[in-house]
Amino acid sequence: MLPLYGFGALTIIISTLMVADNAVLVYICGMIAATALEYVTGAAMEAIFNMKYWDYSDKKFNLHGHICLSSSLAWGVFTLLLIRV
């Protein structure tokens, strides 16, 4: 599962290259890219290994337990930290 973090960082960096000078767009693009990666990875791992490595089913506004609104918003903050700091 550790390669996911490297791919996640690369995904965020690549998805924000064109908007790096605008903090709002960095937040939005990073949030969308990280959330998409989290959903695809979670769904694929569940299909391949028949188990959930994380489960947001108990959170409001979740999608199949793979992603949720609160985590997506946090990904935006983490994106700003990665890109700006």
N, C-alpha and C. Protein backbone atom coordinates (compact mmCIF):
# COMPACT_ATOMS: atom_id res chain seq x y z
N MET A 1 0.82 -1.18 0.00
CA MET A 1 0.00 0.00 0.00
C MET A 1 0.87 1.26 0.00
N LEU A 2 2.09 1.18 0.41
CA LEU A 2 2.94 2.36 0.44
C LEU A 2 3.18 3.01 -0.92
N PRO A 3 3.25 2.26 -2.02
CA PRO A 3 3.39 2.94 -3.32
C PRO A 3 2.25 3.90 -3.61
N LEU A 4 1.09 3.68 -3.01
CA LEU A 4 -0.06 4.58 -3.21
C LEU A 4 0.29 6.01 -2.79
N TYR A 5 1.04 6.16 -1.72
CA TYR A 5 1.38 7.51 -1.26
C TYR A 5 2.28 8.22 -2.25
N GLY A 6 3.22 7.51 -2.83
CA GLY A 6 4.07 8.10 -3.86
C GLY A 6 3.29 8.47 -5.10
N PHE A 7 2.42 7.57 -5.54
CA PHE A 7 1.57 7.87 -6.70
C PHE A 7 0.62 9.02 -6.39
N GLY A 8 0.15 9.08 -5.16
CA GLY A 8 -0.74 10.17 -4.76
C GLY A 8 -0.04 11.51 -4.83
N ALA A 9 1.17 11.57 -4.31
CA ALA A 9 1.94 12.82 -4.36
C ALA A 9 2.22 13.22 -5.80
N LEU A 10 2.62 12.27 -6.62
CA LEU A 10 2.88 12.56 -8.04
C LEU A 10 1.61 13.02 -8.75
N THR A 11 0.51 12.37 -8.46
CA THR A 11 -0.77 12.75 -9.06
C THR A 11 -1.14 14.19 -8.70
N ILE A 12 -0.95 14.53 -7.44
CA ILE A 12 -1.26 15.89 -6.99
C ILE A 12 -0.34 16.91 -7.65
N ILE A 13 0.93 16.62 -7.67
CA ILE A 13 1.89 17.56 -8.28
C ILE A 13 1.57 17.77 -9.75
N ILE A 14 1.35 16.69 -10.48
CA ILE A 14 1.06 16.80 -11.91
C ILE A 14 -0.27 17.52 -12.16
N SER A 15 -1.28 17.21 -11.33
CA SER A 15 -2.60 17.81 -11.56
C SER A 15 -2.66 19.29 -11.21
N THR A 16 -1.67 19.80 -10.49
CA THR A 16 -1.68 21.21 -10.10
C THR A 16 -0.61 22.04 -10.80
N LEU A 17 0.15 21.44 -11.68
CA LEU A 17 1.23 22.17 -12.36
C LEU A 17 0.73 23.42 -13.08
N MET A 18 -0.37 23.30 -13.79
CA MET A 18 -0.86 24.41 -14.61
C MET A 18 -1.51 25.53 -13.78
N VAL A 19 -1.84 25.26 -12.54
CA VAL A 19 -2.53 26.25 -11.71
C VAL A 19 -1.77 26.57 -10.42
N ALA A 20 -0.49 26.27 -10.40
CA ALA A 20 0.30 26.38 -9.17
C ALA A 20 0.32 27.78 -8.58
N ASP A 21 0.03 28.79 -9.35
CA ASP A 21 0.05 30.17 -8.85
C ASP A 21 -1.29 30.61 -8.25
N ASN A 22 -2.29 29.75 -8.27
CA ASN A 22 -3.62 30.09 -7.75
C ASN A 22 -4.00 29.09 -6.66
N ALA A 23 -3.99 29.53 -5.40
CA ALA A 23 -4.23 28.64 -4.26
C ALA A 23 -5.60 27.96 -4.32
N VAL A 24 -6.62 28.66 -4.77
CA VAL A 24 -7.96 28.08 -4.84
C VAL A 24 -7.99 26.94 -5.86
N LEU A 25 -7.41 27.17 -7.02
CA LEU A 25 -7.37 26.12 -8.04
C LEU A 25 -6.47 24.96 -7.63
N VAL A 26 -5.39 25.25 -6.93
CA VAL A 26 -4.54 24.18 -6.40
C VAL A 26 -5.35 23.29 -5.47
N TYR A 27 -6.10 23.93 -4.58
CA TYR A 27 -6.95 23.19 -3.63
C TYR A 27 -7.95 22.31 -4.38
N ILE A 28 -8.66 22.90 -5.32
CA ILE A 28 -9.71 22.17 -6.05
C ILE A 28 -9.13 21.04 -6.89
N CYS A 29 -8.11 21.34 -7.67
CA CYS A 29 -7.51 20.31 -8.53
C CYS A 29 -6.90 19.18 -7.71
N GLY A 30 -6.22 19.52 -6.65
CA GLY A 30 -5.63 18.49 -5.79
C GLY A 30 -6.67 17.65 -5.10
N MET A 31 -7.74 18.30 -4.64
CA MET A 31 -8.82 17.57 -3.99
C MET A 31 -9.46 16.58 -4.96
N ILE A 32 -9.74 17.02 -6.16
CA ILE A 32 -10.37 16.15 -7.16
C ILE A 32 -9.44 15.00 -7.55
N ALA A 33 -8.18 15.31 -7.81
CA ALA A 33 -7.23 14.28 -8.23
C ALA A 33 -7.01 13.24 -7.13
N ALA A 34 -6.82 13.69 -5.89
CA ALA A 34 -6.58 12.76 -4.79
C ALA A 34 -7.82 11.92 -4.50
N THR A 35 -8.99 12.54 -4.57
CA THR A 35 -10.23 11.80 -4.33
C THR A 35 -10.47 10.75 -5.41
N ALA A 36 -10.21 11.11 -6.65
CA ALA A 36 -10.36 10.16 -7.76
C ALA A 36 -9.40 8.99 -7.59
N LEU A 37 -8.15 9.30 -7.24
CA LEU A 37 -7.17 8.23 -7.03
C LEU A 37 -7.58 7.34 -5.87
N GLU A 38 -8.07 7.94 -4.79
CA GLU A 38 -8.50 7.15 -3.63
C GLU A 38 -9.67 6.23 -4.00
N TYR A 39 -10.62 6.75 -4.77
CA TYR A 39 -11.77 5.93 -5.16
C TYR A 39 -11.35 4.78 -6.07
N VAL A 40 -10.59 5.09 -7.09
CA VAL A 40 -10.16 4.05 -8.04
C VAL A 40 -9.31 2.99 -7.34
N THR A 41 -8.40 3.44 -6.49
CA THR A 41 -7.55 2.50 -5.77
C THR A 41 -8.36 1.63 -4.82
N GLY A 42 -9.27 2.26 -4.08
CA GLY A 42 -10.10 1.49 -3.14
C GLY A 42 -10.98 0.47 -3.84
N ALA A 43 -11.59 0.88 -4.93
CA ALA A 43 -12.46 -0.04 -5.68
C ALA A 43 -11.65 -1.17 -6.31
N ALA A 44 -10.48 -0.83 -6.86
CA ALA A 44 -9.64 -1.86 -7.49
C ALA A 44 -9.12 -2.86 -6.45
N MET A 45 -8.68 -2.35 -5.32
CA MET A 45 -8.16 -3.25 -4.29
C MET A 45 -9.25 -4.15 -3.74
N GLU A 46 -10.45 -3.61 -3.63
CA GLU A 46 -11.56 -4.44 -3.17
C GLU A 46 -11.90 -5.52 -4.20
N ALA A 47 -11.87 -5.15 -5.48
CA ALA A 47 -12.18 -6.13 -6.53
C ALA A 47 -11.08 -7.19 -6.64
N ILE A 48 -9.85 -6.79 -6.52
CA ILE A 48 -8.73 -7.72 -6.70
C ILE A 48 -8.53 -8.60 -5.47
N PHE A 49 -8.49 -7.98 -4.28
CA PHE A 49 -8.16 -8.70 -3.06
C PHE A 49 -9.38 -9.06 -2.21
N ASN A 50 -10.56 -8.62 -2.63
CA ASN A 50 -11.81 -8.92 -1.94
C ASN A 50 -11.81 -8.47 -0.48
N MET A 51 -11.18 -7.30 -0.23
CA MET A 51 -11.23 -6.72 1.10
C MET A 51 -11.04 -5.21 1.00
N LYS A 52 -11.63 -4.51 1.95
CA LYS A 52 -11.50 -3.05 1.99
C LYS A 52 -10.34 -2.68 2.90
N TYR A 53 -9.44 -1.86 2.39
CA TYR A 53 -8.31 -1.41 3.19
C TYR A 53 -8.66 -0.16 3.98
N TRP A 54 -9.69 0.56 3.58
CA TRP A 54 -10.27 1.67 4.34
C TRP A 54 -11.75 1.69 4.03
N ASP A 55 -12.52 2.19 4.96
CA ASP A 55 -13.96 2.16 4.81
C ASP A 55 -14.58 3.42 5.43
N TYR A 56 -15.15 4.27 4.59
CA TYR A 56 -15.80 5.50 5.03
C TYR A 56 -17.31 5.34 5.10
N SER A 57 -17.80 4.12 5.16
CA SER A 57 -19.24 3.87 5.15
C SER A 57 -19.97 4.56 6.29
N ASP A 58 -19.29 4.77 7.41
CA ASP A 58 -19.94 5.40 8.56
C ASP A 58 -19.91 6.93 8.48
N LYS A 59 -19.25 7.48 7.47
CA LYS A 59 -19.15 8.94 7.30
C LYS A 59 -20.30 9.43 6.42
N LYS A 60 -20.72 10.68 6.66
CA LYS A 60 -21.73 11.29 5.80
C LYS A 60 -21.14 11.55 4.43
N PHE A 61 -21.98 11.52 3.44
CA PHE A 61 -21.61 11.85 2.06
C PHE A 61 -20.46 10.97 1.55
N ASN A 62 -20.59 9.66 1.77
CA ASN A 62 -19.59 8.72 1.25
C ASN A 62 -20.10 8.08 -0.04
N LEU A 63 -19.17 7.57 -0.83
CA LEU A 63 -19.52 6.87 -2.05
C LEU A 63 -18.94 5.46 -1.97
N HIS A 64 -19.81 4.51 -1.75
CA HIS A 64 -19.45 3.09 -1.62
C HIS A 64 -18.40 2.84 -0.55
N GLY A 65 -18.24 3.76 0.38
CA GLY A 65 -17.27 3.60 1.46
C GLY A 65 -15.84 3.86 1.05
N HIS A 66 -15.60 4.15 -0.23
CA HIS A 66 -14.23 4.37 -0.71
C HIS A 66 -13.78 5.81 -0.53
N ILE A 67 -14.70 6.75 -0.63
CA ILE A 67 -14.39 8.16 -0.45
C ILE A 67 -15.51 8.82 0.34
N CYS A 68 -15.21 9.98 0.93
CA CYS A 68 -16.24 10.76 1.63
C CYS A 68 -15.86 12.23 1.55
N LEU A 69 -16.83 13.07 1.81
CA LEU A 69 -16.63 14.51 1.68
C LEU A 69 -15.54 15.03 2.62
N SER A 70 -15.56 14.61 3.87
CA SER A 70 -14.57 15.13 4.81
C SER A 70 -13.14 14.78 4.40
N SER A 71 -12.93 13.58 3.89
CA SER A 71 -11.59 13.21 3.42
C SER A 71 -11.21 13.99 2.17
N SER A 72 -12.17 14.20 1.29
CA SER A 72 -11.89 14.97 0.08
C SER A 72 -11.47 16.39 0.43
N LEU A 73 -12.16 17.00 1.38
CA LEU A 73 -11.80 18.35 1.80
C LEU A 73 -10.39 18.36 2.43
N ALA A 74 -10.08 17.33 3.18
CA ALA A 74 -8.74 17.22 3.77
C ALA A 74 -7.68 17.06 2.69
N TRP A 75 -7.98 16.32 1.63
CA TRP A 75 -7.02 16.17 0.53
C TRP A 75 -6.68 17.53 -0.07
N GLY A 76 -7.65 18.42 -0.15
CA GLY A 76 -7.39 19.76 -0.65
C GLY A 76 -6.40 20.50 0.23
N VAL A 77 -6.56 20.39 1.53
CA VAL A 77 -5.63 21.03 2.47
C VAL A 77 -4.23 20.41 2.34
N PHE A 78 -4.18 19.09 2.27
CA PHE A 78 -2.88 18.43 2.11
C PHE A 78 -2.21 18.83 0.80
N THR A 79 -3.01 19.04 -0.23
CA THR A 79 -2.47 19.49 -1.51
C THR A 79 -1.81 20.86 -1.36
N LEU A 80 -2.50 21.77 -0.71
CA LEU A 80 -1.92 23.10 -0.48
C LEU A 80 -0.61 23.00 0.29
N LEU A 81 -0.57 22.15 1.30
CA LEU A 81 0.67 21.97 2.07
C LEU A 81 1.79 21.42 1.18
N LEU A 82 1.47 20.43 0.38
CA LEU A 82 2.47 19.82 -0.50
C LEU A 82 3.01 20.82 -1.51
N ILE A 83 2.12 21.57 -2.13
CA ILE A 83 2.53 22.47 -3.20
C ILE A 83 3.15 23.77 -2.67
N ARG A 84 2.60 24.30 -1.61
CA ARG A 84 3.06 25.61 -1.10
C ARG A 84 4.20 25.51 -0.09
N VAL A 85 4.27 24.41 0.65
CA VAL A 85 5.30 24.28 1.67
C VAL A 85 6.37 23.33 1.19
